[in-house]
Every structure is written in C-alpha cells, then in structure tokens.
Amino acid sequence: MTDAPALRILIADDEPLAAERLQVLLARTKGATLVGTASDGESAVSMAEALSPDLLLLDIAMPGLDGIDVARSL
C-alpha cells in the first residue's frame, strides 16, 4: 500500500514566535509538509496563489489584510 501524499501547508502569522511554534509542530507531524510562511495577509494571498497549498493556517489578527480577509480573497 502506498502512503498518501503529504498535506501541503502554508502558515500566515505576523507573530514570529507563533509561526515558529506552528513550524515545530508541523515538523513533528507525519504526513504534513510546510510549503511556506507568510508574515502578512498580502504575502499570504500571493503565496497561496503561487503554491496552491492544501491547508492554510491563518492568524486572524494581522496588519493590512487579516486572516478573514485572506480567506475571503481566496
């Protein structure tokens, strides 16, 4: 039996420590691959469009576009 492809994940968080914690947790998670980290909403939209992740972990409160705005725009 073949393993399923890894879930491709993009993190969007303006808090460096929060983003780092998520990266550590994902590194320990079998079947998850981090494809990128954005520190603001505009970057999150651009990276999501370019990378087509399976999952986007969004911080709700970010400067500029917040997580809700990012979700709406995608």
N, C-alpha and C. Protein backbone atom coordinates (compact mmCIF):
# COMPACT_ATOMS: atom_id res chain seq x y z
N MET A 1 0.83 -1.18 0.00
CA MET A 1 0.00 0.00 0.00
C MET A 1 0.88 1.25 0.00
N THR A 2 0.52 2.23 -0.81
CA THR A 2 1.29 3.45 -0.94
C THR A 2 0.81 4.50 0.06
N ASP A 3 1.77 5.21 0.65
CA ASP A 3 1.40 6.30 1.55
C ASP A 3 0.75 7.43 0.76
N ALA A 4 -0.22 8.09 1.39
CA ALA A 4 -0.86 9.25 0.77
C ALA A 4 0.15 10.39 0.69
N PRO A 5 0.01 11.25 -0.31
CA PRO A 5 0.93 12.38 -0.39
C PRO A 5 0.78 13.28 0.83
N ALA A 6 1.85 13.94 1.19
CA ALA A 6 1.84 14.82 2.36
C ALA A 6 0.89 15.99 2.14
N LEU A 7 0.25 16.40 3.20
CA LEU A 7 -0.61 17.58 3.19
C LEU A 7 0.29 18.81 3.12
N ARG A 8 0.12 19.63 2.11
CA ARG A 8 0.96 20.81 1.89
C ARG A 8 0.35 22.00 2.64
N ILE A 9 1.11 22.58 3.57
CA ILE A 9 0.57 23.59 4.48
C ILE A 9 1.35 24.90 4.36
N LEU A 10 0.59 26.00 4.36
CA LEU A 10 1.14 27.35 4.39
C LEU A 10 0.70 28.01 5.68
N ILE A 11 1.64 28.64 6.39
CA ILE A 11 1.36 29.36 7.63
C ILE A 11 1.36 30.85 7.33
N ALA A 12 0.35 31.56 7.85
CA ALA A 12 0.32 33.03 7.76
C ALA A 12 0.11 33.58 9.17
N ASP A 13 1.16 34.17 9.73
CA ASP A 13 1.09 34.72 11.08
C ASP A 13 2.14 35.82 11.21
N ASP A 14 1.74 36.96 11.74
CA ASP A 14 2.67 38.08 11.90
C ASP A 14 3.48 37.99 13.20
N GLU A 15 3.15 37.06 14.06
CA GLU A 15 3.88 36.86 15.32
C GLU A 15 4.96 35.80 15.08
N PRO A 16 6.23 36.19 15.07
CA PRO A 16 7.29 35.23 14.77
C PRO A 16 7.29 34.00 15.68
N LEU A 17 7.04 34.18 16.97
CA LEU A 17 7.05 33.03 17.88
C LEU A 17 5.90 32.07 17.59
N ALA A 18 4.74 32.60 17.24
CA ALA A 18 3.59 31.74 16.91
C ALA A 18 3.88 30.97 15.63
N ALA A 19 4.42 31.64 14.63
CA ALA A 19 4.75 30.96 13.37
C ALA A 19 5.80 29.89 13.61
N GLU A 20 6.79 30.19 14.44
CA GLU A 20 7.84 29.22 14.74
C GLU A 20 7.26 28.00 15.47
N ARG A 21 6.37 28.23 16.40
CA ARG A 21 5.74 27.11 17.13
C ARG A 21 4.96 26.21 16.17
N LEU A 22 4.21 26.82 15.26
CA LEU A 22 3.48 26.02 14.27
C LEU A 22 4.45 25.23 13.40
N GLN A 23 5.56 25.83 13.02
CA GLN A 23 6.55 25.13 12.20
C GLN A 23 7.10 23.92 12.94
N VAL A 24 7.38 24.08 14.23
CA VAL A 24 7.90 22.97 15.04
C VAL A 24 6.86 21.85 15.12
N LEU A 25 5.61 22.22 15.37
CA LEU A 25 4.55 21.21 15.45
C LEU A 25 4.37 20.47 14.12
N LEU A 26 4.42 21.21 13.02
CA LEU A 26 4.28 20.58 11.71
C LEU A 26 5.46 19.66 11.40
N ALA A 27 6.65 20.04 11.83
CA ALA A 27 7.83 19.21 11.59
C ALA A 27 7.70 17.85 12.28
N ARG A 28 6.94 17.81 13.36
CA ARG A 28 6.73 16.57 14.11
C ARG A 28 5.52 15.78 13.61
N THR A 29 4.81 16.33 12.65
CA THR A 29 3.56 15.72 12.19
C THR A 29 3.79 14.92 10.91
N LYS A 30 3.54 13.61 11.01
CA LYS A 30 3.69 12.75 9.84
C LYS A 30 2.60 13.11 8.83
N GLY A 31 2.98 13.20 7.58
CA GLY A 31 2.02 13.49 6.52
C GLY A 31 1.77 14.96 6.30
N ALA A 32 2.58 15.82 6.92
CA ALA A 32 2.43 17.27 6.73
C ALA A 32 3.75 17.85 6.23
N THR A 33 3.66 18.72 5.25
CA THR A 33 4.83 19.39 4.70
C THR A 33 4.58 20.89 4.68
N LEU A 34 5.47 21.65 5.29
CA LEU A 34 5.36 23.11 5.27
C LEU A 34 5.88 23.60 3.94
N VAL A 35 5.03 24.35 3.19
CA VAL A 35 5.46 24.86 1.89
C VAL A 35 5.84 26.34 1.95
N GLY A 36 5.50 27.01 3.06
CA GLY A 36 5.87 28.41 3.18
C GLY A 36 5.29 29.05 4.42
N THR A 37 5.83 30.23 4.74
CA THR A 37 5.38 31.01 5.87
C THR A 37 5.29 32.48 5.43
N ALA A 38 4.13 33.07 5.65
CA ALA A 38 3.91 34.48 5.32
C ALA A 38 3.72 35.25 6.62
N SER A 39 4.18 36.50 6.65
CA SER A 39 4.06 37.30 7.86
C SER A 39 3.00 38.40 7.75
N ASP A 40 2.31 38.44 6.63
CA ASP A 40 1.21 39.40 6.48
C ASP A 40 0.20 38.86 5.49
N GLY A 41 -0.97 39.46 5.47
CA GLY A 41 -2.06 38.97 4.64
C GLY A 41 -1.78 39.04 3.15
N GLU A 42 -1.18 40.12 2.70
CA GLU A 42 -0.90 40.27 1.28
C GLU A 42 0.04 39.17 0.79
N SER A 43 1.07 38.90 1.58
CA SER A 43 2.01 37.82 1.24
C SER A 43 1.32 36.47 1.26
N ALA A 44 0.42 36.29 2.22
CA ALA A 44 -0.31 35.02 2.32
C ALA A 44 -1.12 34.76 1.06
N VAL A 45 -1.79 35.78 0.56
CA VAL A 45 -2.58 35.63 -0.67
C VAL A 45 -1.67 35.29 -1.84
N SER A 46 -0.59 36.03 -2.00
CA SER A 46 0.35 35.78 -3.10
C SER A 46 0.95 34.38 -3.04
N MET A 47 1.36 33.98 -1.84
CA MET A 47 1.98 32.67 -1.68
C MET A 47 0.96 31.55 -1.90
N ALA A 48 -0.26 31.75 -1.41
CA ALA A 48 -1.31 30.74 -1.60
C ALA A 48 -1.62 30.55 -3.08
N GLU A 49 -1.69 31.66 -3.81
CA GLU A 49 -1.95 31.57 -5.25
C GLU A 49 -0.81 30.88 -5.98
N ALA A 50 0.43 31.16 -5.56
CA ALA A 50 1.59 30.58 -6.24
C ALA A 50 1.84 29.12 -5.85
N LEU A 51 1.60 28.78 -4.58
CA LEU A 51 1.97 27.46 -4.08
C LEU A 51 0.82 26.46 -4.03
N SER A 52 -0.41 26.93 -4.09
CA SER A 52 -1.60 26.07 -4.01
C SER A 52 -1.53 25.06 -2.86
N PRO A 53 -1.40 25.55 -1.62
CA PRO A 53 -1.33 24.61 -0.50
C PRO A 53 -2.68 23.90 -0.30
N ASP A 54 -2.62 22.76 0.37
CA ASP A 54 -3.84 22.03 0.72
C ASP A 54 -4.53 22.67 1.92
N LEU A 55 -3.73 23.29 2.79
CA LEU A 55 -4.22 23.88 4.03
C LEU A 55 -3.49 25.18 4.29
N LEU A 56 -4.23 26.19 4.73
CA LEU A 56 -3.65 27.49 5.07
C LEU A 56 -4.00 27.79 6.51
N LEU A 57 -2.99 27.90 7.37
CA LEU A 57 -3.19 28.24 8.77
C LEU A 57 -3.07 29.76 8.90
N LEU A 58 -4.20 30.42 9.16
CA LEU A 58 -4.26 31.88 9.15
C LEU A 58 -4.41 32.46 10.54
N ASP A 59 -3.59 33.44 10.84
CA ASP A 59 -3.77 34.27 12.04
C ASP A 59 -4.94 35.20 11.74
N ILE A 60 -5.84 35.35 12.68
CA ILE A 60 -7.00 36.22 12.46
C ILE A 60 -6.58 37.69 12.46
N ALA A 61 -5.74 38.09 13.42
CA ALA A 61 -5.37 39.50 13.56
C ALA A 61 -3.97 39.73 13.00
N MET A 62 -3.92 40.26 11.78
CA MET A 62 -2.65 40.65 11.17
C MET A 62 -2.82 42.04 10.60
N PRO A 63 -1.74 42.80 10.50
CA PRO A 63 -1.86 44.12 9.89
C PRO A 63 -2.21 44.02 8.41
N GLY A 64 -2.87 45.05 7.90
CA GLY A 64 -3.29 45.01 6.49
C GLY A 64 -4.44 44.03 6.36
N LEU A 65 -4.32 43.07 5.48
CA LEU A 65 -5.32 42.02 5.35
C LEU A 65 -5.21 41.09 6.55
N ASP A 66 -6.32 40.91 7.28
CA ASP A 66 -6.29 39.94 8.37
C ASP A 66 -6.64 38.56 7.81
N GLY A 67 -6.65 37.56 8.67
CA GLY A 67 -6.91 36.20 8.23
C GLY A 67 -8.26 36.02 7.56
N ILE A 68 -9.27 36.71 8.05
CA ILE A 68 -10.60 36.62 7.46
C ILE A 68 -10.58 37.22 6.05
N ASP A 69 -9.92 38.37 5.90
CA ASP A 69 -9.81 39.00 4.58
C ASP A 69 -9.06 38.08 3.60
N VAL A 70 -8.01 37.42 4.08
CA VAL A 70 -7.26 36.50 3.22
C VAL A 70 -8.17 35.37 2.76
N ALA A 71 -8.89 34.77 3.69
CA ALA A 71 -9.79 33.67 3.34
C ALA A 71 -10.83 34.12 2.31
N ARG A 72 -11.39 35.31 2.52
CA ARG A 72 -12.39 35.83 1.57
C ARG A 72 -11.78 36.04 0.18
N SER A 73 -10.57 36.53 0.14
CA SER A 73 -9.97 36.84 -1.16
C SER A 73 -9.58 35.57 -1.93
N LEU A 74 -9.36 34.48 -1.21
CA LEU A 74 -9.01 33.23 -1.88
C LEU A 74 -10.24 32.46 -2.24
